[in-house]
Structure formats: structure tokens, C-alpha cells
Amino acid sequence: MISIILVEPENSGNIGAVARAMKNFGFSDLVILNPKCDPLCEEARKRAKWANDVLRRAKIRKRIPRNFDYLVGTTARLGTDYNIPRSPLTPEQLAEKISNRKIGILFGRESTGLRNNEIELCDFTVTIPTKKAYSSLNLSHSVAIVLYELSKDNIELSKFPAISKKEKEVLYTYIIKSIDRMKFSTQEKKKTQKIIWKKVMGKAMLTKREAFALMGFFRKLE
């Protein structure tokens, strides 16, 4: 299941338009974090059109839910190759990986997007390729593009069961233990290794077989 999570949306009309885009592509689970406007006002309902059911069922939360197998951030700000948390996939690449997983996709504020600490909570990020002259998309347009890619027919992957959230955490614990036993010239370099491994695991979206093989490998390192 895929949940769309809007972080502190500032415009009621955009919330309604997001609900409409979700219904267009067959998605219904909308989560709104600390809205800075009324998500059920007349403007939102008008923009939602025939998707008011999605709007009414939207869940209002104070914090980012943590019950997802994968948490995906969206960003227009890529930084450089050294900015590991903002090293992204495209929506099309994301669509190729999704199968039988519980995924939350974070969309940031209309004015400032997602903050660095929010990006760091994510397993990886997704970006929509746009022209540098004007790279920022309207919130509802961004949601629509991502959901369009996710709604397209993909290769059947059900015979390759996906790693669960718990199994992902266990594997990451093995990796962290191995890194902590290694010597690095600075603590910053050790921290960078931990971030890189988290993002690599996120983008890989491992199968259970792959995850168990890696757990065995890191156990042998002990």
C-alpha cells in the first residue's frame, strides 16, 4: 500500500488538488502533517471535485508515521554527490522497485520543501527531472507525476518476496555493528558510512533472500 504524506501544506486548494490526483490514479491513503490551512474548507473541496471521499478520509497527524517498510522523500534540491541523503531516484525508477511493500511518500511544504532532518529519516529520495531555470513544481503536479508512474503496469515481482521493515532494521543493525568495529580517521567519516549504507539499502529494496544472505555475511564478519 502507498500513502501520500503532505508535510505542513500551506494552501487548501493544493490539498484538494492532491486528493483529486490520487483518485485519478487509484490511490486513497492521504496523510496530512500539521496543516497550515484548513484541509476541509470550501476551496479544498472544490479543487478535489469528485475526490472528496479521499479528502474526508485523510488522516491528520503531528509526526511522520514510522510504520512503513520504506519512507520515501521527494525533493527538487539535489545538492552535490557529497549530499548523500539527497541522492535521488526518478519516479520511474521508484515504480520499477515497488511490489507488495508498505510505502510512505513525503511531499514537502510548498514554500520550502522537506527539511534536511526530514530527508534523513527517509530510506531514499525521489526527484522529478525538470529544467534548471525553473525546477520547482506545484505540489499537486508533483504528486500527480509520481502517482502516474506508480500506477503504470510493472513487471510481476510477487514471486520475489520483499524484505519487511523488521528484517531491514535487523540487517542495518548488523551493518552498524560492523562499522562501529572499524577504525576511521574521523567520526564524521564513520557517520557518512552509516548514512550511505542506509540509503543503499533503501534504494535496493532487497528481497528476503538477498537480505538473509547479507545478514549471514555480516554475521561472519563478527
C-alpha atoms as a PDB file:
ATOM      1  CA  MET A   1       0.000   0.000   0.000  1.00  0.00           C
ATOM      2  CA  ILE A   2       1.190   3.506  -0.817  1.00  0.00           C
ATOM      3  CA  SER A   3       0.417   6.503   1.386  1.00  0.00           C
ATOM      4  CA  ILE A   4       0.820  10.114   0.281  1.00  0.00           C
ATOM      5  CA  ILE A   5       2.084  12.264   3.157  1.00  0.00           C
ATOM      6  CA  LEU A   6       1.846  16.058   2.890  1.00  0.00           C
ATOM      7  CA  VAL A   7       4.174  17.866   5.296  1.00  0.00           C
ATOM      8  CA  GLU A   8       2.728  21.123   6.642  1.00  0.00           C
ATOM      9  CA  PRO A   9       0.792  22.074   3.476  1.00  0.00           C
ATOM     10  CA  GLU A  10       0.114  25.803   3.258  1.00  0.00           C
ATOM     11  CA  ASN A  11      -2.592  26.012   0.603  1.00  0.00           C
ATOM     12  CA  SER A  12      -6.048  24.399   0.956  1.00  0.00           C
ATOM     13  CA  GLY A  13      -6.532  24.315  -2.799  1.00  0.00           C
ATOM     14  CA  ASN A  14      -3.366  22.260  -3.215  1.00  0.00           C
ATOM     15  CA  ILE A  15      -4.628  19.691  -0.713  1.00  0.00           C
ATOM     16  CA  GLY A  16      -7.852  19.326  -2.676  1.00  0.00           C
ATOM     17  CA  ALA A  17      -5.918  19.029  -5.943  1.00  0.00           C
ATOM     18  CA  VAL A  18      -3.695  16.326  -4.420  1.00  0.00           C
ATOM     19  CA  ALA A  19      -6.807  14.354  -3.389  1.00  0.00           C
ATOM     20  CA  ARG A  20      -8.093  14.648  -6.957  1.00  0.00           C
ATOM     21  CA  ALA A  21      -4.777  13.432  -8.423  1.00  0.00           C
ATOM     22  CA  MET A  22      -4.785  10.492  -6.027  1.00  0.00           C
ATOM     23  CA  LYS A  23      -8.258   9.432  -7.112  1.00  0.00           C
ATOM     24  CA  ASN A  24      -7.275   9.863 -10.786  1.00  0.00           C
ATOM     25  CA  PHE A  25      -4.613   7.183 -10.371  1.00  0.00           C
ATOM     26  CA  GLY A  26      -6.377   4.881  -7.908  1.00  0.00           C
ATOM     27  CA  PHE A  27      -4.750   5.889  -4.597  1.00  0.00           C
ATOM     28  CA  SER A  28      -6.711   6.752  -1.464  1.00  0.00           C
ATOM     29  CA  ASP A  29      -4.493   6.906   1.654  1.00  0.00           C
ATOM     30  CA  LEU A  30      -3.739  10.578   2.356  1.00  0.00           C
ATOM     31  CA  VAL A  31      -1.869  11.717   5.490  1.00  0.00           C
ATOM     32  CA  ILE A  32      -1.548  15.419   6.352  1.00  0.00           C
ATOM     33  CA  LEU A  33       1.086  16.526   8.855  1.00  0.00           C
ATOM     34  CA  ASN A  34       0.434  19.741  10.790  1.00  0.00           C
ATOM     35  CA  PRO A  35      -1.529  21.545   8.050  1.00  0.00           C
ATOM     36  CA  LYS A  36      -1.107  25.329   7.985  1.00  0.00           C
ATOM     37  CA  CYS A  37      -4.544  25.718   6.406  1.00  0.00           C
ATOM     38  CA  ASP A  38      -7.967  24.084   6.599  1.00  0.00           C
ATOM     39  CA  PRO A  39      -7.825  20.814   4.613  1.00  0.00           C
ATOM     40  CA  LEU A  40     -11.618  20.532   4.532  1.00  0.00           C
ATOM     41  CA  CYS A  41     -12.553  24.105   3.658  1.00  0.00           C
ATOM     42  CA  GLU A  42     -14.670  25.014   0.631  1.00  0.00           C
ATOM     43  CA  GLU A  43     -11.646  25.730  -1.556  1.00  0.00           C
ATOM     44  CA  ALA A  44     -10.161  22.302  -0.829  1.00  0.00           C
ATOM     45  CA  ARG A  45     -13.470  20.571  -1.525  1.00  0.00           C
ATOM     46  CA  LYS A  46     -13.940  22.457  -4.802  1.00  0.00           C
ATOM     47  CA  ARG A  47     -10.462  21.541  -6.022  1.00  0.00           C
ATOM     48  CA  ALA A  48     -10.969  17.900  -5.031  1.00  0.00           C
ATOM     49  CA  LYS A  49     -14.073  17.663  -7.274  1.00  0.00           C
ATOM     50  CA  TRP A  50     -15.192  14.007  -7.195  1.00  0.00           C
ATOM     51  CA  ALA A  51     -12.373  13.050  -4.810  1.00  0.00           C
ATOM     52  CA  ASN A  52     -13.960  14.486  -1.670  1.00  0.00           C
ATOM     53  CA  ASP A  53     -14.085  10.972  -0.228  1.00  0.00           C
ATOM     54  CA  VAL A  54     -10.260  10.898  -0.284  1.00  0.00           C
ATOM     55  CA  LEU A  55     -10.239  14.310   1.398  1.00  0.00           C
ATOM     56  CA  ARG A  56     -12.696  13.296   4.124  1.00  0.00           C
ATOM     57  CA  ARG A  57     -10.742  10.137   4.971  1.00  0.00           C
ATOM     58  CA  ALA A  58      -7.411  11.967   5.174  1.00  0.00           C
ATOM     59  CA  LYS A  59      -5.585  11.405   8.470  1.00  0.00           C
ATOM     60  CA  ILE A  60      -4.231  14.459  10.308  1.00  0.00           C
ATOM     61  CA  ARG A  61      -1.010  13.708  12.180  1.00  0.00           C
ATOM     62  CA  LYS A  62       1.569  15.650  14.191  1.00  0.00           C
ATOM     63  CA  ARG A  63       4.558  13.449  13.331  1.00  0.00           C
ATOM     64  CA  ILE A  64       5.762  11.449  10.371  1.00  0.00           C
ATOM     65  CA  PRO A  65       4.368   7.894  10.721  1.00  0.00           C
ATOM     66  CA  ARG A  66       7.069   5.253  11.153  1.00  0.00           C
ATOM     67  CA  ASN A  67       5.035   2.145  10.303  1.00  0.00           C
ATOM     68  CA  PHE A  68       6.182   1.913   6.676  1.00  0.00           C
ATOM     69  CA  ASP A  69       8.503  -0.655   5.117  1.00  0.00           C
ATOM     70  CA  TYR A  70      10.052   2.282   3.257  1.00  0.00           C
ATOM     71  CA  LEU A  71       9.762   6.023   3.706  1.00  0.00           C
ATOM     72  CA  VAL A  72      10.491   7.981   0.523  1.00  0.00           C
ATOM     73  CA  GLY A  73      11.209  11.708   0.415  1.00  0.00           C
ATOM     74  CA  THR A  74      10.640  13.922  -2.615  1.00  0.00           C
ATOM     75  CA  THR A  75      12.954  16.810  -3.391  1.00  0.00           C
ATOM     76  CA  ALA A  76      13.791  19.295  -6.132  1.00  0.00           C
ATOM     77  CA  ARG A  77      17.044  20.237  -4.356  1.00  0.00           C
ATOM     78  CA  LEU A  78      19.680  17.683  -5.264  1.00  0.00           C
ATOM     79  CA  GLY A  79      22.831  19.307  -3.889  1.00  0.00           C
ATOM     80  CA  THR A  80      26.041  17.544  -4.943  1.00  0.00           C
ATOM     81  CA  ASP A  81      27.275  13.959  -4.998  1.00  0.00           C
ATOM     82  CA  TYR A  82      28.507  14.542  -1.441  1.00  0.00           C
ATOM     83  CA  ASN A  83      24.968  15.276  -0.219  1.00  0.00           C
ATOM     84  CA  ILE A  84      24.130  11.606   0.264  1.00  0.00           C
ATOM     85  CA  PRO A  85      20.607  11.943   1.736  1.00  0.00           C
ATOM     86  CA  ARG A  86      19.520  13.926  -1.360  1.00  0.00           C
ATOM     87  CA  SER A  87      20.920  11.438  -3.890  1.00  0.00           C
ATOM     88  CA  PRO A  88      17.666  10.506  -5.660  1.00  0.00           C
ATOM     89  CA  LEU A  89      15.846   8.097  -7.916  1.00  0.00           C
ATOM     90  CA  THR A  90      13.377   9.228 -10.575  1.00  0.00           C
ATOM     91  CA  PRO A  91       9.668   8.387 -10.198  1.00  0.00           C
ATOM     92  CA  GLU A  92      10.067   5.817 -12.981  1.00  0.00           C
ATOM     93  CA  GLN A  93      12.920   4.100 -11.140  1.00  0.00           C
ATOM     94  CA  LEU A  94      10.819   4.059  -7.971  1.00  0.00           C
ATOM     95  CA  ALA A  95       7.937   2.429  -9.845  1.00  0.00           C
ATOM     96  CA  GLU A  96      10.225  -0.363 -11.065  1.00  0.00           C
ATOM     97  CA  LYS A  97      11.063  -1.331  -7.485  1.00  0.00           C
ATOM     98  CA  ILE A  98       7.681  -1.257  -5.766  1.00  0.00           C
ATOM     99  CA  SER A  99       5.913  -4.544  -5.176  1.00  0.00           C
ATOM    100  CA  ASN A 100       3.875  -5.619  -2.135  1.00  0.00           C
ATOM    101  CA  ARG A 101       5.512  -3.061   0.111  1.00  0.00           C
ATOM    102  CA  LYS A 102       4.025  -0.539   2.520  1.00  0.00           C
ATOM    103  CA  ILE A 103       5.450   2.791   1.408  1.00  0.00           C
ATOM    104  CA  GLY A 104       5.001   6.362   2.589  1.00  0.00           C
ATOM    105  CA  ILE A 105       5.915   9.133   0.145  1.00  0.00           C
ATOM    106  CA  LEU A 106       6.666  12.507   1.730  1.00  0.00           C
ATOM    107  CA  PHE A 107       5.896  15.739  -0.113  1.00  0.00           C
ATOM    108  CA  GLY A 108       7.245  18.909   1.487  1.00  0.00           C
ATOM    109  CA  ARG A 109       5.960  22.408   2.056  1.00  0.00           C
ATOM    110  CA  GLU A 110       5.021  24.469  -0.985  1.00  0.00           C
ATOM    111  CA  SER A 111       7.454  27.229   0.038  1.00  0.00           C
ATOM    112  CA  THR A 112      10.490  25.329   1.334  1.00  0.00           C
ATOM    113  CA  GLY A 113      10.034  21.609   0.662  1.00  0.00           C
ATOM    114  CA  LEU A 114      11.371  18.996   3.071  1.00  0.00           C
ATOM    115  CA  ARG A 115      13.960  19.938   5.662  1.00  0.00           C
ATOM    116  CA  ASN A 116      17.277  18.100   5.983  1.00  0.00           C
ATOM    117  CA  ASN A 117      16.219  16.299   9.172  1.00  0.00           C
ATOM    118  CA  GLU A 118      13.073  15.034   7.388  1.00  0.00           C
ATOM    119  CA  ILE A 119      15.115  13.863   4.402  1.00  0.00           C
ATOM    120  CA  GLU A 120      17.446  11.995   6.756  1.00  0.00           C
ATOM    121  CA  LEU A 121      14.501   9.993   8.128  1.00  0.00           C
ATOM    122  CA  CYS A 122      13.787   8.661   4.634  1.00  0.00           C
ATOM    123  CA  ASP A 123      15.241   5.488   3.162  1.00  0.00           C
ATOM    124  CA  PHE A 124      15.911   7.389  -0.046  1.00  0.00           C
ATOM    125  CA  THR A 125      14.615  10.285  -2.115  1.00  0.00           C
ATOM    126  CA  VAL A 126      12.873  10.735  -5.451  1.00  0.00           C
ATOM    127  CA  THR A 127      13.155  13.728  -7.752  1.00  0.00           C
ATOM    128  CA  ILE A 128      11.243  14.732 -10.879  1.00  0.00           C
ATOM    129  CA  PRO A 129      13.661  15.877 -13.594  1.00  0.00           C
ATOM    130  CA  THR A 130      12.858  19.475 -14.545  1.00  0.00           C
ATOM    131  CA  LYS A 131      14.699  22.332 -16.215  1.00  0.00           C
ATOM    132  CA  LYS A 132      17.183  24.182 -14.016  1.00  0.00           C
ATOM    133  CA  ALA A 133      15.711  27.548 -14.995  1.00  0.00           C
ATOM    134  CA  TYR A 134      12.559  26.723 -13.006  1.00  0.00           C
ATOM    135  CA  SER A 135      12.839  23.403 -11.197  1.00  0.00           C
ATOM    136  CA  SER A 136      10.066  23.757  -8.595  1.00  0.00           C
ATOM    137  CA  LEU A 137       6.749  22.069  -9.426  1.00  0.00           C
ATOM    138  CA  ASN A 138       3.347  22.784  -7.903  1.00  0.00           C
ATOM    139  CA  LEU A 139       2.620  20.325  -5.084  1.00  0.00           C
ATOM    140  CA  SER A 140      -0.345  18.651  -6.772  1.00  0.00           C
ATOM    141  CA  HIS A 141       1.569  18.392 -10.076  1.00  0.00           C
ATOM    142  CA  SER A 142       4.443  16.628  -8.295  1.00  0.00           C
ATOM    143  CA  VAL A 143       2.042  14.169  -6.664  1.00  0.00           C
ATOM    144  CA  ALA A 144       0.312  13.515  -9.994  1.00  0.00           C
ATOM    145  CA  ILE A 145       3.578  12.783 -11.834  1.00  0.00           C
ATOM    146  CA  VAL A 146       4.806  10.369  -9.165  1.00  0.00           C
ATOM    147  CA  LEU A 147       1.448   8.575  -8.959  1.00  0.00           C
ATOM    148  CA  TYR A 148       1.221   8.321 -12.743  1.00  0.00           C
ATOM    149  CA  GLU A 149       4.497   6.395 -12.777  1.00  0.00           C
ATOM    150  CA  LEU A 150       3.421   4.206  -9.868  1.00  0.00           C
ATOM    151  CA  SER A 151       0.100   3.352 -11.495  1.00  0.00           C
ATOM    152  CA  LYS A 152       1.644   2.083 -14.738  1.00  0.00           C
ATOM    153  CA  ASP A 153       1.850  -1.661 -15.259  1.00  0.00           C
ATOM    154  CA  ASN A 154       5.116  -3.115 -13.961  1.00  0.00           C
ATOM    155  CA  ILE A 155       6.837  -6.487 -14.099  1.00  0.00           C
ATOM    156  CA  GLU A 156       5.223  -9.011 -11.766  1.00  0.00           C
ATOM    157  CA  LEU A 157       7.555  -9.270  -8.771  1.00  0.00           C
ATOM    158  CA  SER A 158       5.365 -11.177  -6.315  1.00  0.00           C
ATOM    159  CA  LYS A 159       7.490 -14.336  -6.610  1.00  0.00           C
ATOM    160  CA  PHE A 160      10.367 -12.371  -5.074  1.00  0.00           C
ATOM    161  CA  PRO A 161       9.039 -11.643  -1.556  1.00  0.00           C
ATOM    162  CA  ALA A 162      10.167  -8.279  -0.225  1.00  0.00           C
ATOM    163  CA  ILE A 163      12.123  -7.689   2.961  1.00  0.00           C
ATOM    164  CA  SER A 164       9.949  -6.496   5.844  1.00  0.00           C
ATOM    165  CA  LYS A 165      10.561  -3.359   7.912  1.00  0.00           C
ATOM    166  CA  LYS A 166      11.738  -5.503  10.844  1.00  0.00           C
ATOM    167  CA  GLU A 167      14.134  -7.514   8.676  1.00  0.00           C
ATOM    168  CA  LYS A 168      15.509  -4.280   7.214  1.00  0.00           C
ATOM    169  CA  GLU A 169      16.176  -2.986  10.731  1.00  0.00           C
ATOM    170  CA  VAL A 170      17.911  -6.245  11.735  1.00  0.00           C
ATOM    171  CA  LEU A 171      20.181  -6.111   8.681  1.00  0.00           C
ATOM    172  CA  TYR A 172      21.018  -2.462   9.312  1.00  0.00           C
ATOM    173  CA  THR A 173      21.901  -3.331  12.932  1.00  0.00           C
ATOM    174  CA  TYR A 174      24.449  -5.901  11.668  1.00  0.00           C
ATOM    175  CA  ILE A 175      25.927  -3.297   9.342  1.00  0.00           C
ATOM    176  CA  ILE A 176      26.154  -0.667  12.089  1.00  0.00           C
ATOM    177  CA  LYS A 177      27.927  -3.134  14.406  1.00  0.00           C
ATOM    178  CA  SER A 178      30.490  -3.875  11.683  1.00  0.00           C
ATOM    179  CA  ILE A 179      31.084  -0.180  11.012  1.00  0.00           C
ATOM    180  CA  ASP A 180      31.446   0.558  14.729  1.00  0.00           C
ATOM    181  CA  ARG A 181      34.231  -2.046  14.985  1.00  0.00           C
ATOM    182  CA  MET A 182      36.182  -0.405  12.157  1.00  0.00           C
ATOM    183  CA  LYS A 183      38.693   2.392  12.596  1.00  0.00           C
ATOM    184  CA  PHE A 184      38.092   5.673  10.791  1.00  0.00           C
ATOM    185  CA  SER A 185      40.240   8.782  10.829  1.00  0.00           C
ATOM    186  CA  THR A 186      37.254  10.869  11.988  1.00  0.00           C
ATOM    187  CA  GLN A 187      33.820  10.261  13.484  1.00  0.00           C
ATOM    188  CA  GLU A 188      32.338  12.169  10.548  1.00  0.00           C
ATOM    189  CA  LYS A 189      33.638   9.521   8.127  1.00  0.00           C
ATOM    190  CA  LYS A 190      32.100   6.770  10.246  1.00  0.00           C
ATOM    191  CA  LYS A 191      28.774   8.632  10.285  1.00  0.00           C
ATOM    192  CA  THR A 192      28.953   9.028   6.492  1.00  0.00           C
ATOM    193  CA  GLN A 193      29.381   5.272   6.085  1.00  0.00           C
ATOM    194  CA  LYS A 194      26.257   4.641   8.162  1.00  0.00           C
ATOM    195  CA  ILE A 195      24.236   7.118   6.074  1.00  0.00           C
ATOM    196  CA  ILE A 196      25.474   5.591   2.797  1.00  0.00           C
ATOM    197  CA  TRP A 197      24.550   2.057   3.862  1.00  0.00           C
ATOM    198  CA  LYS A 198      21.069   3.168   4.928  1.00  0.00           C
ATOM    199  CA  LYS A 199      20.468   4.837   1.543  1.00  0.00           C
ATOM    200  CA  VAL A 200      21.928   1.896  -0.411  1.00  0.00           C
ATOM    201  CA  MET A 201      19.602  -0.497   1.437  1.00  0.00           C
ATOM    202  CA  GLY A 202      16.649   1.791   0.763  1.00  0.00           C
ATOM    203  CA  LYS A 203      17.276   2.094  -2.965  1.00  0.00           C
ATOM    204  CA  ALA A 204      17.978  -1.635  -3.326  1.00  0.00           C
ATOM    205  CA  MET A 205      14.578  -2.651  -1.867  1.00  0.00           C
ATOM    206  CA  LEU A 206      16.021  -6.068  -1.100  1.00  0.00           C
ATOM    207  CA  THR A 207      14.182  -9.358  -1.374  1.00  0.00           C
ATOM    208  CA  LYS A 208      14.088 -11.633   1.666  1.00  0.00           C
ATOM    209  CA  ARG A 209      16.642 -13.968   0.077  1.00  0.00           C
ATOM    210  CA  GLU A 210      19.057 -11.113  -0.565  1.00  0.00           C
ATOM    211  CA  ALA A 211      18.593  -9.735   2.948  1.00  0.00           C
ATOM    212  CA  PHE A 212      19.171 -13.097   4.641  1.00  0.00           C
ATOM    213  CA  ALA A 213      22.321 -13.658   2.563  1.00  0.00           C
ATOM    214  CA  LEU A 214      23.663 -10.261   3.650  1.00  0.00           C
ATOM    215  CA  MET A 215      22.796 -10.965   7.300  1.00  0.00           C
ATOM    216  CA  GLY A 216      24.820 -14.167   7.044  1.00  0.00           C
ATOM    217  CA  PHE A 217      27.727 -12.259   5.524  1.00  0.00           C
ATOM    218  CA  PHE A 218      27.789  -9.620   8.283  1.00  0.00           C
ATOM    219  CA  ARG A 219      27.448 -12.309  10.979  1.00  0.00           C
ATOM    220  CA  LYS A 220      30.599 -13.947   9.581  1.00  0.00           C
ATOM    221  CA  LEU A 221      32.407 -10.622   9.865  1.00  0.00           C
ATOM    222  CA  GLU A 222      31.752 -10.739  13.597  1.00  0.00           C
END
